[in-house]
Amino acid sequence: MRTAPASRRGGFTLIELLVVIGIAVLLLGLLMPALRRAREWSRQISCESNLHQIGMYLLSYANESHGWLFPVGPPGANGLPTTLGTNMPRDQRWTVYVFHQWNPRVMLCPSDDQPAEQHSYILNEHLADHKVTYSSTRLGGLYSVDVVVMGEKLSGVGDYFMEESEFSQVVEPFRHGLWYGSNYLYLDLHVSSSPPTAAKKGIDPWDVPLPLPNSNS
């Protein structure tokens, strides 16, 4: 009488386990870049949301301040308005007047790992220098959709304002990658992400020319 063959014992052989582990490692390697991109995209969206909220605070301030988007002090030695940045004590900086507190969380970008002075964004000081308000129409040939109000600053920069010819020294050009660049808040209060070349549009958008004499600013 023939005996029945012994049934195969359950479980994986060593070779089968190595194959499964190899496939899992391969799949993980393929998924990791996508997961990193998704995480950075989420941070970028959160950063855009912050700038949108800041824009609403600036608009609220402008409605109570004759169109000025942020507070400025009296003219300094150079004849230009004094900006209320790190030259002032923390309780006298522009954020206190706009947000009613120093550096709320909305001033922090999730992608900024080491924000100097606990904020991630920098204002266009030229708006104050050239008396540009929310309702200004003379913008050196630009439209309000073109004029940058605020951008993302380099982590090591502590000031709140970008002065003349400082774009490359203080603005973070590629916080969200080479494809997206960084986020910018514009005078019409829309927010968009752009690499620096697109943000400048051929000229420095932070460098708004002076209005014509005897014209409405």
N, C-alpha and C. Protein backbone atom coordinates (compact mmCIF):
# COMPACT_ATOMS: atom_id res chain seq x y z
N MET A 1 0.86 -1.19 0.00
CA MET A 1 0.00 0.00 0.00
C MET A 1 0.89 1.24 0.00
N ARG A 2 0.54 2.19 -0.89
CA ARG A 2 1.32 3.45 -0.95
C ARG A 2 0.86 4.38 0.15
N THR A 3 1.83 4.99 0.76
CA THR A 3 1.48 5.97 1.82
C THR A 3 1.32 7.34 1.21
N ALA A 4 0.40 8.13 1.77
CA ALA A 4 0.15 9.49 1.28
C ALA A 4 1.35 10.36 1.56
N PRO A 5 1.75 11.25 0.61
CA PRO A 5 2.89 12.15 0.85
C PRO A 5 2.62 13.09 2.00
N ALA A 6 3.66 13.34 2.71
CA ALA A 6 3.51 14.26 3.85
C ALA A 6 3.15 15.65 3.35
N SER A 7 2.19 16.27 4.01
CA SER A 7 1.77 17.63 3.60
C SER A 7 2.88 18.63 3.91
N ARG A 8 2.97 19.66 3.07
CA ARG A 8 4.00 20.69 3.23
C ARG A 8 3.72 21.52 4.46
N ARG A 9 4.75 21.74 5.24
CA ARG A 9 4.58 22.54 6.45
C ARG A 9 4.33 24.01 6.07
N GLY A 10 3.39 24.66 6.75
CA GLY A 10 3.08 26.06 6.45
C GLY A 10 4.23 26.98 6.77
N GLY A 11 4.16 28.24 6.23
CA GLY A 11 5.19 29.24 6.48
C GLY A 11 6.02 29.50 5.24
N PHE A 12 6.91 30.51 5.35
CA PHE A 12 7.77 30.91 4.24
C PHE A 12 9.16 30.35 4.42
N THR A 13 9.79 30.07 3.32
CA THR A 13 11.20 29.73 3.36
C THR A 13 12.02 31.00 3.48
N LEU A 14 13.29 30.87 3.76
CA LEU A 14 14.17 32.03 3.90
C LEU A 14 14.22 32.84 2.61
N ILE A 15 14.28 32.15 1.49
CA ILE A 15 14.33 32.85 0.20
C ILE A 15 13.05 33.64 -0.04
N GLU A 16 11.93 33.03 0.30
CA GLU A 16 10.65 33.73 0.12
C GLU A 16 10.57 34.98 1.00
N LEU A 17 11.06 34.85 2.24
CA LEU A 17 11.06 36.02 3.13
C LEU A 17 11.94 37.12 2.58
N LEU A 18 13.11 36.77 2.05
CA LEU A 18 14.00 37.78 1.49
C LEU A 18 13.38 38.47 0.29
N VAL A 19 12.65 37.71 -0.53
CA VAL A 19 11.97 38.31 -1.68
C VAL A 19 10.90 39.29 -1.23
N VAL A 20 10.12 38.90 -0.23
CA VAL A 20 9.07 39.78 0.29
C VAL A 20 9.67 41.06 0.88
N ILE A 21 10.74 40.90 1.66
CA ILE A 21 11.40 42.07 2.26
C ILE A 21 11.95 42.98 1.16
N GLY A 22 12.55 42.38 0.13
CA GLY A 22 13.10 43.17 -0.97
C GLY A 22 12.02 43.97 -1.68
N ILE A 23 10.87 43.35 -1.91
CA ILE A 23 9.76 44.05 -2.57
C ILE A 23 9.26 45.20 -1.69
N ALA A 24 9.16 44.92 -0.37
CA ALA A 24 8.69 45.96 0.55
C ALA A 24 9.64 47.15 0.57
N VAL A 25 10.95 46.87 0.58
CA VAL A 25 11.95 47.95 0.57
C VAL A 25 11.85 48.75 -0.72
N LEU A 26 11.66 48.05 -1.85
CA LEU A 26 11.53 48.72 -3.14
C LEU A 26 10.31 49.63 -3.17
N LEU A 27 9.18 49.11 -2.69
CA LEU A 27 7.96 49.92 -2.66
C LEU A 27 8.11 51.12 -1.74
N LEU A 28 8.77 50.93 -0.59
CA LEU A 28 8.99 52.03 0.34
C LEU A 28 9.86 53.10 -0.30
N GLY A 29 10.89 52.65 -1.05
CA GLY A 29 11.75 53.61 -1.73
C GLY A 29 11.01 54.42 -2.77
N LEU A 30 10.03 53.79 -3.43
CA LEU A 30 9.23 54.49 -4.42
C LEU A 30 8.24 55.45 -3.78
N LEU A 31 7.75 55.08 -2.60
CA LEU A 31 6.72 55.89 -1.94
C LEU A 31 7.30 57.08 -1.18
N MET A 32 8.52 56.97 -0.67
CA MET A 32 9.08 58.02 0.18
C MET A 32 9.13 59.38 -0.50
N PRO A 33 9.63 59.48 -1.75
CA PRO A 33 9.62 60.80 -2.40
C PRO A 33 8.21 61.40 -2.52
N ALA A 34 7.24 60.53 -2.83
CA ALA A 34 5.86 61.01 -2.94
C ALA A 34 5.34 61.49 -1.59
N LEU A 35 5.70 60.77 -0.52
CA LEU A 35 5.28 61.18 0.82
C LEU A 35 5.92 62.50 1.21
N ARG A 36 7.21 62.67 0.87
CA ARG A 36 7.89 63.93 1.18
C ARG A 36 7.25 65.09 0.42
N ARG A 37 6.93 64.84 -0.87
CA ARG A 37 6.28 65.90 -1.66
C ARG A 37 4.92 66.24 -1.09
N ALA A 38 4.17 65.23 -0.67
CA ALA A 38 2.85 65.48 -0.10
C ALA A 38 2.96 66.27 1.20
N ARG A 39 3.96 65.93 2.02
CA ARG A 39 4.15 66.65 3.28
C ARG A 39 4.54 68.10 3.03
N GLU A 40 5.44 68.34 2.06
CA GLU A 40 5.85 69.70 1.75
C GLU A 40 4.71 70.49 1.11
N TRP A 41 3.91 69.82 0.28
CA TRP A 41 2.75 70.47 -0.31
C TRP A 41 1.78 70.91 0.78
N SER A 42 1.60 70.07 1.79
CA SER A 42 0.73 70.42 2.90
C SER A 42 1.26 71.64 3.65
N ARG A 43 2.59 71.69 3.84
CA ARG A 43 3.19 72.84 4.51
C ARG A 43 3.04 74.10 3.66
N GLN A 44 3.19 73.94 2.36
CA GLN A 44 3.06 75.10 1.48
C GLN A 44 1.64 75.66 1.54
N ILE A 45 0.65 74.78 1.52
CA ILE A 45 -0.74 75.22 1.61
C ILE A 45 -1.00 75.92 2.94
N SER A 46 -0.43 75.38 4.02
CA SER A 46 -0.58 76.01 5.32
C SER A 46 0.07 77.39 5.33
N CYS A 47 1.23 77.50 4.67
CA CYS A 47 1.92 78.79 4.59
C CYS A 47 1.08 79.78 3.78
N GLU A 48 0.50 79.34 2.67
CA GLU A 48 -0.38 80.20 1.88
C GLU A 48 -1.57 80.67 2.72
N SER A 49 -2.13 79.75 3.50
CA SER A 49 -3.25 80.11 4.36
C SER A 49 -2.85 81.18 5.37
N ASN A 50 -1.63 81.05 5.92
CA ASN A 50 -1.14 82.07 6.85
C ASN A 50 -1.10 83.45 6.18
N LEU A 51 -0.56 83.49 4.96
CA LEU A 51 -0.46 84.78 4.27
C LEU A 51 -1.83 85.34 3.93
N HIS A 52 -2.78 84.47 3.59
CA HIS A 52 -4.15 84.93 3.36
C HIS A 52 -4.71 85.58 4.63
N GLN A 53 -4.50 84.92 5.76
CA GLN A 53 -5.00 85.47 7.02
C GLN A 53 -4.31 86.79 7.36
N ILE A 54 -3.00 86.84 7.14
CA ILE A 54 -2.27 88.09 7.39
C ILE A 54 -2.84 89.20 6.50
N GLY A 55 -3.13 88.86 5.24
CA GLY A 55 -3.72 89.85 4.34
C GLY A 55 -5.03 90.40 4.87
N MET A 56 -5.84 89.56 5.47
CA MET A 56 -7.11 90.02 6.03
C MET A 56 -6.88 90.94 7.24
N TYR A 57 -5.87 90.63 8.04
CA TYR A 57 -5.53 91.51 9.16
C TYR A 57 -5.03 92.86 8.64
N LEU A 58 -4.19 92.83 7.59
CA LEU A 58 -3.69 94.09 7.03
C LEU A 58 -4.82 94.91 6.43
N LEU A 59 -5.77 94.25 5.78
CA LEU A 59 -6.92 94.97 5.23
C LEU A 59 -7.75 95.60 6.32
N SER A 60 -7.96 94.87 7.40
CA SER A 60 -8.70 95.42 8.54
C SER A 60 -7.99 96.65 9.10
N TYR A 61 -6.67 96.55 9.21
CA TYR A 61 -5.90 97.70 9.69
C TYR A 61 -6.02 98.86 8.70
N ALA A 62 -5.95 98.56 7.40
CA ALA A 62 -6.04 99.61 6.38
C ALA A 62 -7.39 100.34 6.43
N ASN A 63 -8.45 99.60 6.70
CA ASN A 63 -9.77 100.21 6.77
C ASN A 63 -9.88 101.22 7.91
N GLU A 64 -9.02 101.08 8.91
CA GLU A 64 -9.06 101.99 10.06
C GLU A 64 -7.91 103.01 10.03
N SER A 65 -7.07 102.93 8.97
CA SER A 65 -5.85 103.75 8.96
C SER A 65 -5.61 104.42 7.61
N HIS A 66 -6.70 104.86 6.99
CA HIS A 66 -6.62 105.62 5.73
C HIS A 66 -5.88 104.84 4.64
N GLY A 67 -6.02 103.55 4.63
CA GLY A 67 -5.45 102.73 3.57
C GLY A 67 -4.06 102.19 3.84
N TRP A 68 -3.40 102.66 4.91
CA TRP A 68 -2.07 102.13 5.22
C TRP A 68 -2.19 100.68 5.66
N LEU A 69 -1.41 99.80 5.04
CA LEU A 69 -1.52 98.38 5.34
C LEU A 69 -0.82 97.99 6.63
N PHE A 70 0.15 98.78 7.04
CA PHE A 70 0.85 98.53 8.30
C PHE A 70 1.31 99.87 8.85
N PRO A 71 1.49 99.95 10.16
CA PRO A 71 1.83 101.24 10.78
C PRO A 71 3.27 101.64 10.50
N VAL A 72 3.48 102.93 10.35
CA VAL A 72 4.83 103.48 10.21
C VAL A 72 4.96 104.67 11.15
N GLY A 73 6.21 104.94 11.54
CA GLY A 73 6.47 106.06 12.43
C GLY A 73 6.78 107.33 11.66
N PRO A 74 7.20 108.37 12.35
CA PRO A 74 7.54 109.64 11.71
C PRO A 74 8.78 109.50 10.84
N PRO A 75 9.02 110.47 9.95
CA PRO A 75 10.22 110.40 9.09
C PRO A 75 11.50 110.35 9.92
N GLY A 76 12.44 109.54 9.44
CA GLY A 76 13.74 109.46 10.10
C GLY A 76 14.72 110.46 9.51
N ALA A 77 15.99 110.23 9.76
CA ALA A 77 17.03 111.15 9.29
C ALA A 77 17.09 111.21 7.76
N ASN A 78 16.70 110.11 7.09
CA ASN A 78 16.71 110.09 5.63
C ASN A 78 15.43 110.63 5.01
N GLY A 79 14.53 111.11 5.85
CA GLY A 79 13.27 111.67 5.37
C GLY A 79 12.20 110.64 5.09
N LEU A 80 12.52 109.36 5.21
CA LEU A 80 11.55 108.30 4.95
C LEU A 80 10.87 107.89 6.25
N PRO A 81 9.64 107.37 6.17
CA PRO A 81 8.94 106.96 7.39
C PRO A 81 9.72 105.90 8.16
N THR A 82 9.60 105.93 9.45
CA THR A 82 10.24 104.93 10.30
C THR A 82 9.37 103.68 10.33
N THR A 83 9.95 102.53 10.00
CA THR A 83 9.20 101.28 10.06
C THR A 83 9.37 100.65 11.43
N LEU A 84 8.30 100.08 11.93
CA LEU A 84 8.29 99.57 13.30
C LEU A 84 8.69 98.09 13.31
N GLY A 85 10.00 97.86 13.14
CA GLY A 85 10.53 96.50 13.11
C GLY A 85 11.40 96.21 14.30
N THR A 86 12.52 95.53 14.08
CA THR A 86 13.39 95.15 15.18
C THR A 86 14.15 96.35 15.76
N ASN A 87 13.99 97.51 15.14
CA ASN A 87 14.54 98.74 15.73
C ASN A 87 13.73 99.21 16.93
N MET A 88 12.57 98.58 17.15
CA MET A 88 11.68 98.96 18.25
C MET A 88 11.56 97.81 19.25
N PRO A 89 11.21 98.13 20.50
CA PRO A 89 10.91 97.06 21.46
C PRO A 89 9.76 96.18 20.95
N ARG A 90 9.70 94.96 21.41
CA ARG A 90 8.71 94.03 20.88
C ARG A 90 7.27 94.53 21.04
N ASP A 91 7.00 95.25 22.09
CA ASP A 91 5.62 95.71 22.29
C ASP A 91 5.29 96.95 21.47
N GLN A 92 6.24 97.41 20.62
CA GLN A 92 5.99 98.57 19.77
C GLN A 92 6.20 98.25 18.29
N ARG A 93 6.32 96.99 17.95
CA ARG A 93 6.51 96.61 16.55
C ARG A 93 5.17 96.54 15.83
N TRP A 94 5.20 96.53 14.50
CA TRP A 94 3.98 96.66 13.72
C TRP A 94 2.98 95.55 14.00
N THR A 95 3.46 94.36 14.35
CA THR A 95 2.55 93.24 14.59
C THR A 95 1.60 93.51 15.76
N VAL A 96 2.07 94.26 16.74
CA VAL A 96 1.23 94.57 17.90
C VAL A 96 0.04 95.42 17.48
N TYR A 97 0.26 96.34 16.55
CA TYR A 97 -0.81 97.23 16.10
C TYR A 97 -1.79 96.52 15.16
N VAL A 98 -1.29 95.56 14.40
CA VAL A 98 -2.13 94.87 13.43
C VAL A 98 -2.82 93.66 14.04
N PHE A 99 -2.08 92.85 14.81
CA PHE A 99 -2.62 91.62 15.39
C PHE A 99 -3.01 91.77 16.85
N HIS A 100 -2.61 92.88 17.47
CA HIS A 100 -2.84 93.11 18.89
C HIS A 100 -2.06 92.13 19.76
N GLN A 101 -0.95 91.62 19.22
CA GLN A 101 -0.01 90.80 19.97
C GLN A 101 1.28 90.71 19.17
N TRP A 102 2.37 90.35 19.84
CA TRP A 102 3.65 90.23 19.16
C TRP A 102 3.77 88.86 18.52
N ASN A 103 3.94 88.84 17.21
CA ASN A 103 4.19 87.62 16.45
C ASN A 103 3.23 86.47 16.78
N PRO A 104 1.98 86.55 16.33
CA PRO A 104 1.07 85.41 16.50
C PRO A 104 1.54 84.23 15.65
N ARG A 105 0.94 83.08 15.86
CA ARG A 105 1.36 81.86 15.17
C ARG A 105 1.20 81.98 13.66
N VAL A 106 0.29 82.83 13.20
CA VAL A 106 0.08 82.99 11.77
C VAL A 106 1.32 83.57 11.08
N MET A 107 2.23 84.13 11.86
CA MET A 107 3.46 84.69 11.31
C MET A 107 4.56 83.63 11.14
N LEU A 108 4.25 82.37 11.40
CA LEU A 108 5.23 81.29 11.29
C LEU A 108 4.86 80.34 10.16
N CYS A 109 5.78 80.14 9.22
CA CYS A 109 5.59 79.17 8.14
C CYS A 109 6.03 77.79 8.63
N PRO A 110 5.23 76.75 8.42
CA PRO A 110 5.61 75.40 8.88
C PRO A 110 6.92 74.90 8.27
N SER A 111 7.31 75.43 7.11
CA SER A 111 8.54 74.99 6.46
C SER A 111 9.76 75.75 6.95
N ASP A 112 9.57 76.74 7.78
CA ASP A 112 10.68 77.53 8.32
C ASP A 112 11.10 76.91 9.64
N ASP A 113 12.19 76.14 9.63
CA ASP A 113 12.59 75.38 10.81
C ASP A 113 13.22 76.25 11.89
N GLN A 114 13.89 77.34 11.51
CA GLN A 114 14.56 78.20 12.49
C GLN A 114 14.26 79.67 12.20
N PRO A 115 13.04 80.10 12.44
CA PRO A 115 12.68 81.49 12.13
C PRO A 115 13.31 82.48 13.11
N ALA A 116 14.18 83.34 12.60
CA ALA A 116 14.77 84.37 13.46
C ALA A 116 13.69 85.34 13.93
N GLU A 117 13.79 85.77 15.17
CA GLU A 117 12.80 86.67 15.79
C GLU A 117 11.39 86.09 15.73
N GLN A 118 11.29 84.78 15.59
CA GLN A 118 10.03 84.06 15.67
C GLN A 118 8.99 84.53 14.65
N HIS A 119 9.46 84.81 13.42
CA HIS A 119 8.53 85.07 12.33
C HIS A 119 9.18 84.67 11.02
N SER A 120 8.35 84.34 10.03
CA SER A 120 8.83 83.78 8.76
C SER A 120 8.61 84.69 7.56
N TYR A 121 7.99 85.84 7.76
CA TYR A 121 7.60 86.68 6.64
C TYR A 121 8.20 88.08 6.76
N ILE A 122 8.36 88.72 5.61
CA ILE A 122 8.99 90.03 5.59
C ILE A 122 8.19 90.98 4.70
N LEU A 123 7.96 92.20 5.18
CA LEU A 123 7.15 93.18 4.47
C LEU A 123 7.97 93.99 3.48
N ASN A 124 7.28 94.52 2.48
CA ASN A 124 7.89 95.40 1.49
C ASN A 124 7.94 96.82 2.06
N GLU A 125 9.10 97.24 2.52
CA GLU A 125 9.24 98.57 3.11
C GLU A 125 8.97 99.68 2.10
N HIS A 126 9.11 99.39 0.81
CA HIS A 126 8.91 100.41 -0.21
C HIS A 126 7.47 100.92 -0.24
N LEU A 127 6.53 100.14 0.23
CA LEU A 127 5.15 100.62 0.29
C LEU A 127 5.05 101.84 1.21
N ALA A 128 5.78 101.79 2.31
CA ALA A 128 5.80 102.95 3.22
C ALA A 128 6.65 104.07 2.64
N ASP A 129 7.82 103.73 2.10
CA ASP A 129 8.72 104.75 1.56
C ASP A 129 8.07 105.56 0.45
N HIS A 130 7.25 104.90 -0.38
CA HIS A 130 6.64 105.56 -1.54
C HIS A 130 5.17 105.87 -1.33
N LYS A 131 4.72 105.81 -0.06
CA LYS A 131 3.36 106.18 0.30
C LYS A 131 2.31 105.40 -0.49
N VAL A 132 2.57 104.13 -0.68
CA VAL A 132 1.63 103.26 -1.37
C VAL A 132 0.65 102.69 -0.36
N THR A 133 -0.63 102.93 -0.57
CA THR A 133 -1.67 102.41 0.30
C THR A 133 -2.45 101.32 -0.42
N TYR A 134 -3.42 100.74 0.26
CA TYR A 134 -4.21 99.66 -0.33
C TYR A 134 -4.95 100.12 -1.57
N SER A 135 -5.37 101.39 -1.62
CA SER A 135 -6.14 101.90 -2.75
C SER A 135 -5.30 102.64 -3.79
N SER A 136 -3.98 102.64 -3.64
CA SER A 136 -3.12 103.35 -4.59
C SER A 136 -3.26 102.76 -6.00
N THR A 137 -3.22 103.66 -6.99
CA THR A 137 -3.30 103.22 -8.38
C THR A 137 -2.04 103.55 -9.16
N ARG A 138 -1.26 104.52 -8.73
CA ARG A 138 -0.02 104.85 -9.41
C ARG A 138 1.10 103.99 -8.83
N LEU A 139 1.43 102.95 -9.56
CA LEU A 139 2.36 101.93 -9.06
C LEU A 139 3.49 101.69 -10.05
N GLY A 140 3.93 102.76 -10.71
CA GLY A 140 5.06 102.64 -11.63
C GLY A 140 4.79 101.72 -12.80
N GLY A 141 3.56 101.74 -13.32
CA GLY A 141 3.23 100.89 -14.45
C GLY A 141 2.77 99.51 -14.06
N LEU A 142 2.80 99.18 -12.77
CA LEU A 142 2.32 97.88 -12.30
C LEU A 142 0.85 97.98 -11.90
N TYR A 143 0.25 96.84 -11.69
CA TYR A 143 -1.09 96.76 -11.12
C TYR A 143 -0.98 96.18 -9.72
N SER A 144 -2.05 96.31 -8.97
CA SER A 144 -2.01 95.81 -7.59
C SER A 144 -1.75 94.32 -7.54
N VAL A 145 -2.12 93.60 -8.59
CA VAL A 145 -1.87 92.16 -8.65
C VAL A 145 -0.39 91.84 -8.78
N ASP A 146 0.43 92.84 -9.18
CA ASP A 146 1.85 92.63 -9.39
C ASP A 146 2.72 93.02 -8.21
N VAL A 147 2.22 93.89 -7.34
CA VAL A 147 3.06 94.50 -6.30
C VAL A 147 3.08 93.62 -5.06
N VAL A 148 4.27 93.20 -4.67
CA VAL A 148 4.43 92.35 -3.50
C VAL A 148 4.29 93.17 -2.21
N VAL A 149 3.46 92.69 -1.31
CA VAL A 149 3.33 93.28 0.02
C VAL A 149 4.21 92.54 1.02
N MET A 150 4.24 91.22 0.91
CA MET A 150 4.96 90.40 1.87
C MET A 150 5.46 89.13 1.19
N GLY A 151 6.62 88.66 1.61
CA GLY A 151 7.15 87.40 1.12
C GLY A 151 7.75 86.60 2.26
N GLU A 152 8.31 85.46 1.92
CA GLU A 152 8.94 84.60 2.92
C GLU A 152 10.41 84.99 3.06
N LYS A 153 10.85 85.20 4.28
CA LYS A 153 12.22 85.65 4.52
C LYS A 153 13.15 84.47 4.79
N LEU A 154 14.43 84.70 4.60
CA LEU A 154 15.43 83.71 4.97
C LEU A 154 15.38 83.46 6.48
N SER A 155 15.61 82.24 6.88
CA SER A 155 15.50 81.89 8.30
C SER A 155 16.43 82.71 9.19
N GLY A 156 17.61 83.08 8.69
CA GLY A 156 18.57 83.82 9.50
C GLY A 156 18.32 85.30 9.57
N VAL A 157 17.33 85.81 8.84
CA VAL A 157 17.01 87.24 8.83
C VAL A 157 15.97 87.52 9.90
N GLY A 158 16.27 88.46 10.79
CA GLY A 158 15.35 88.73 11.88
C GLY A 158 14.42 89.90 11.65
N ASP A 159 14.75 90.80 10.72
CA ASP A 159 13.95 92.01 10.54
C ASP A 159 12.61 91.70 9.90
N TYR A 160 11.73 92.68 9.94
CA TYR A 160 10.38 92.54 9.39
C TYR A 160 10.24 93.20 8.03
N PHE A 161 11.24 93.98 7.60
CA PHE A 161 11.10 94.79 6.40
C PHE A 161 12.26 94.59 5.43
N MET A 162 11.91 94.50 4.14
CA MET A 162 12.92 94.43 3.10
C MET A 162 13.15 95.82 2.54
N GLU A 163 14.39 96.29 2.64
CA GLU A 163 14.74 97.61 2.16
C GLU A 163 15.22 97.54 0.71
N GLU A 164 15.60 98.68 0.17
CA GLU A 164 15.99 98.79 -1.24
C GLU A 164 17.13 97.84 -1.59
N SER A 165 16.98 97.16 -2.73
CA SER A 165 18.01 96.28 -3.30
C SER A 165 18.39 95.13 -2.37
N GLU A 166 17.49 94.70 -1.50
CA GLU A 166 17.80 93.61 -0.56
C GLU A 166 17.10 92.30 -0.90
N PHE A 167 16.42 92.25 -2.03
CA PHE A 167 15.62 91.06 -2.33
C PHE A 167 16.43 89.78 -2.19
N SER A 168 17.60 89.73 -2.83
CA SER A 168 18.39 88.50 -2.82
C SER A 168 19.05 88.23 -1.48
N GLN A 169 19.14 89.24 -0.61
CA GLN A 169 19.78 89.06 0.69
C GLN A 169 18.82 88.61 1.78
N VAL A 170 17.54 88.92 1.65
CA VAL A 170 16.62 88.66 2.76
C VAL A 170 15.43 87.78 2.40
N VAL A 171 15.13 87.62 1.12
CA VAL A 171 13.97 86.83 0.71
C VAL A 171 14.39 85.39 0.44
N GLU A 172 13.62 84.44 0.96
CA GLU A 172 13.85 83.02 0.71
C GLU A 172 13.28 82.67 -0.67
N PRO A 173 14.13 82.34 -1.65
CA PRO A 173 13.64 82.16 -3.02
C PRO A 173 12.95 80.82 -3.28
N PHE A 174 13.36 79.76 -2.58
CA PHE A 174 12.86 78.42 -2.92
C PHE A 174 12.49 77.64 -1.66
N ARG A 175 11.72 78.23 -0.78
CA ARG A 175 11.37 77.54 0.46
C ARG A 175 10.58 76.27 0.19
N HIS A 176 9.77 76.26 -0.85
CA HIS A 176 8.92 75.10 -1.12
C HIS A 176 9.37 74.32 -2.35
N GLY A 177 10.66 74.46 -2.69
CA GLY A 177 11.23 73.69 -3.79
C GLY A 177 11.43 74.52 -5.05
N LEU A 178 12.22 73.98 -5.97
CA LEU A 178 12.54 74.71 -7.20
C LEU A 178 11.30 74.94 -8.06
N TRP A 179 10.35 74.03 -7.99
CA TRP A 179 9.16 74.15 -8.84
C TRP A 179 8.22 75.24 -8.31
N TYR A 180 8.00 75.27 -7.00
CA TYR A 180 7.04 76.21 -6.41
C TYR A 180 7.68 77.53 -5.98
N GLY A 181 8.94 77.52 -5.61
CA GLY A 181 9.57 78.74 -5.12
C GLY A 181 9.12 79.06 -3.71
N SER A 182 8.61 80.27 -3.51
CA SER A 182 8.10 80.70 -2.21
C SER A 182 6.77 81.40 -2.39
N ASN A 183 6.10 81.66 -1.28
CA ASN A 183 4.79 82.31 -1.31
C ASN A 183 4.93 83.82 -1.17
N TYR A 184 4.04 84.54 -1.88
CA TYR A 184 4.03 86.00 -1.82
C TYR A 184 2.60 86.49 -1.66
N LEU A 185 2.44 87.53 -0.84
CA LEU A 185 1.18 88.23 -0.69
C LEU A 185 1.27 89.52 -1.50
N TYR A 186 0.28 89.75 -2.37
CA TYR A 186 0.30 90.89 -3.27
C TYR A 186 -0.68 91.97 -2.81
N LEU A 187 -0.56 93.16 -3.43
CA LEU A 187 -1.34 94.31 -3.00
C LEU A 187 -2.84 94.10 -3.17
N ASP A 188 -3.25 93.27 -4.12
CA ASP A 188 -4.68 92.96 -4.23
C ASP A 188 -5.11 91.88 -3.24
N LEU A 189 -4.15 91.46 -2.39
CA LEU A 189 -4.33 90.50 -1.30
C LEU A 189 -4.49 89.05 -1.76
N HIS A 190 -4.15 88.75 -3.00
CA HIS A 190 -4.08 87.35 -3.38
C HIS A 190 -2.70 86.81 -3.00
N VAL A 191 -2.60 85.51 -2.85
CA VAL A 191 -1.35 84.84 -2.50
C VAL A 191 -1.02 83.84 -3.59
N SER A 192 0.23 83.82 -4.01
CA SER A 192 0.65 82.83 -4.99
C SER A 192 2.09 82.42 -4.72
N SER A 193 2.43 81.22 -5.15
CA SER A 193 3.80 80.72 -5.00
C SER A 193 4.51 80.87 -6.34
N SER A 194 5.74 81.38 -6.31
CA SER A 194 6.49 81.62 -7.53
C SER A 194 7.98 81.52 -7.24
N PRO A 195 8.76 81.08 -8.23
CA PRO A 195 10.21 81.24 -8.12
C PRO A 195 10.56 82.72 -8.23
N PRO A 196 11.73 83.13 -7.78
CA PRO A 196 12.04 84.56 -7.74
C PRO A 196 11.98 85.25 -9.09
N THR A 197 12.38 84.56 -10.16
CA THR A 197 12.33 85.20 -11.47
C THR A 197 10.91 85.56 -11.87
N ALA A 198 9.95 84.67 -11.56
CA ALA A 198 8.55 84.95 -11.88
C ALA A 198 7.99 86.02 -10.96
N ALA A 199 8.41 86.02 -9.70
CA ALA A 199 7.91 87.02 -8.76
C ALA A 199 8.38 88.41 -9.16
N LYS A 200 9.59 88.52 -9.66
CA LYS A 200 10.11 89.84 -10.05
C LYS A 200 9.50 90.36 -11.35
N LYS A 201 9.05 89.46 -12.22
CA LYS A 201 8.40 89.86 -13.48
C LYS A 201 9.26 90.86 -14.27
N GLY A 202 10.54 90.64 -14.29
CA GLY A 202 11.41 91.49 -15.09
C GLY A 202 11.99 92.67 -14.33
N ILE A 203 11.25 93.16 -13.33
CA ILE A 203 11.77 94.20 -12.44
C ILE A 203 11.49 93.76 -11.02
N ASP A 204 12.18 94.35 -10.07
CA ASP A 204 12.00 93.99 -8.66
C ASP A 204 10.63 94.47 -8.21
N PRO A 205 9.69 93.56 -7.90
CA PRO A 205 8.34 94.00 -7.51
C PRO A 205 8.33 94.72 -6.17
N TRP A 206 9.38 94.58 -5.38
CA TRP A 206 9.44 95.30 -4.12
C TRP A 206 9.81 96.76 -4.35
N ASP A 207 10.34 97.10 -5.51
CA ASP A 207 10.89 98.42 -5.76
C ASP A 207 9.88 99.26 -6.53
N VAL A 208 8.85 99.72 -5.86
CA VAL A 208 7.78 100.48 -6.50
C VAL A 208 8.25 101.92 -6.70
N PRO A 209 8.23 102.44 -7.95
CA PRO A 209 8.68 103.82 -8.17
C PRO A 209 7.82 104.84 -7.45
N LEU A 210 8.38 106.03 -7.24
CA LEU A 210 7.65 107.12 -6.59
C LEU A 210 6.46 107.55 -7.44
N PRO A 211 5.34 107.94 -6.83
CA PRO A 211 4.22 108.49 -7.60
C PRO A 211 4.62 109.80 -8.27
N LEU A 212 3.90 110.17 -9.30
CA LEU A 212 4.15 111.44 -9.97
C LEU A 212 3.82 112.60 -9.03
N PRO A 213 4.55 113.73 -9.16
CA PRO A 213 4.24 114.90 -8.30
C PRO A 213 2.79 115.36 -8.48
N ASN A 214 2.20 115.81 -7.37
CA ASN A 214 0.84 116.37 -7.38
C ASN A 214 -0.20 115.38 -7.89
N SER A 215 0.08 114.11 -7.71
CA SER A 215 -0.90 113.09 -8.15
C SER A 215 -1.38 112.35 -6.92
N ASN A 216 -2.51 111.70 -7.07
CA ASN A 216 -3.04 110.90 -5.98
C ASN A 216 -2.18 109.65 -5.85
N SER A 217 -1.75 109.34 -4.65
CA SER A 217 -0.94 108.15 -4.43
C SER A 217 -1.79 106.91 -4.33
